[in-house]
């Protein structure tokens, strides 16, 4: 995990942009975002690597349905 991943929520709340951790780690590309996961606090691309609704959001990793 990148050191800025843990601080993405804090950086976004200060008005800064952060990297989508999935774009960076899986695809080696840099895509900036102002959305963070309410569970892991890492930045994610809305719609592509998570979703955001009602002032809470989850990345696709934290938001995946639990196996039955």
Protein backbone atom coordinates (compact mmCIF):
# COMPACT_ATOMS: atom_id res chain seq x y z
CA UNK A 1 0.00 0.00 0.00
CA UNK A 2 1.28 3.43 -0.94
CA UNK A 3 1.84 5.82 1.98
CA UNK A 4 -0.67 8.31 0.50
CA UNK A 5 -3.38 5.62 0.37
CA UNK A 6 -3.77 5.79 4.13
CA UNK A 7 -4.09 9.57 3.97
CA UNK A 8 -6.35 9.84 0.89
CA UNK A 9 -9.41 10.77 2.95
CA UNK A 10 -7.50 13.50 4.80
CA UNK A 11 -5.97 14.86 1.60
CA UNK A 12 -9.35 14.96 -0.18
CA UNK A 13 -10.99 16.67 2.79
CA UNK A 14 -8.26 19.34 2.54
CA UNK A 15 -9.25 19.91 -1.09
CA UNK A 16 -6.47 17.92 -2.75
CA UNK A 17 -6.69 15.31 -5.49
CA UNK A 18 -5.38 11.77 -4.96
CA UNK A 19 -4.57 8.82 -7.22
CA UNK A 20 -7.07 6.02 -7.73
CA UNK A 21 -5.25 3.15 -6.05
CA UNK A 22 -6.72 0.55 -8.43
CA UNK A 23 -5.66 2.45 -11.58
CA UNK A 24 -2.18 2.85 -10.13
CA UNK A 25 -1.64 -0.67 -8.78
CA UNK A 26 -3.45 -2.74 -11.42
CA UNK A 27 -2.94 -0.71 -14.60
CA UNK A 28 0.13 1.45 -13.84
CA UNK A 29 -1.73 4.60 -14.81
CA UNK A 30 -2.33 7.77 -12.86
CA UNK A 31 -5.91 8.94 -12.59
CA UNK A 32 -6.70 11.60 -10.03
CA UNK A 33 -9.91 11.60 -8.01
CA UNK A 34 -11.71 13.36 -5.17
CA UNK A 35 -13.55 10.21 -4.03
CA UNK A 36 -12.43 7.88 -1.26
CA UNK A 37 -13.66 4.57 0.08
CA UNK A 38 -15.52 4.82 3.39
CA UNK A 39 -14.03 1.49 4.47
CA UNK A 40 -10.33 1.57 3.44
CA UNK A 41 -10.02 5.39 2.96
CA UNK A 42 -8.15 4.97 -0.35
CA UNK A 43 -9.01 7.01 -3.45
CA UNK A 44 -11.03 5.42 -6.27
CA UNK A 45 -12.51 6.37 -9.67
CA UNK A 46 -16.26 6.74 -9.29
CA UNK A 47 -18.23 4.46 -11.57
CA UNK A 48 -15.22 2.50 -12.74
CA UNK A 49 -13.57 1.39 -9.50
CA UNK A 50 -16.36 2.03 -7.02
CA UNK A 51 -19.48 4.07 -6.47
CA UNK A 52 -20.51 6.97 -4.32
CA UNK A 53 -23.98 7.61 -2.98
CA UNK A 54 -25.48 9.34 0.07
CA UNK A 55 -22.12 10.76 1.24
CA UNK A 56 -20.55 7.31 1.49
CA UNK A 57 -18.65 5.34 -1.10
CA UNK A 58 -16.92 2.03 -1.49
CA UNK A 59 -14.19 0.89 -3.84
CA UNK A 60 -14.93 -2.30 -5.79
CA UNK A 61 -12.67 -4.29 -3.46
CA UNK A 62 -14.37 -3.20 -0.21
CA UNK A 63 -17.85 -3.04 -1.73
CA UNK A 64 -18.01 -6.47 -3.36
CA UNK A 65 -20.91 -8.63 -2.16
CA UNK A 66 -20.09 -11.23 0.44
CA UNK A 67 -20.12 -14.87 -0.68
CA UNK A 68 -23.11 -16.84 0.56
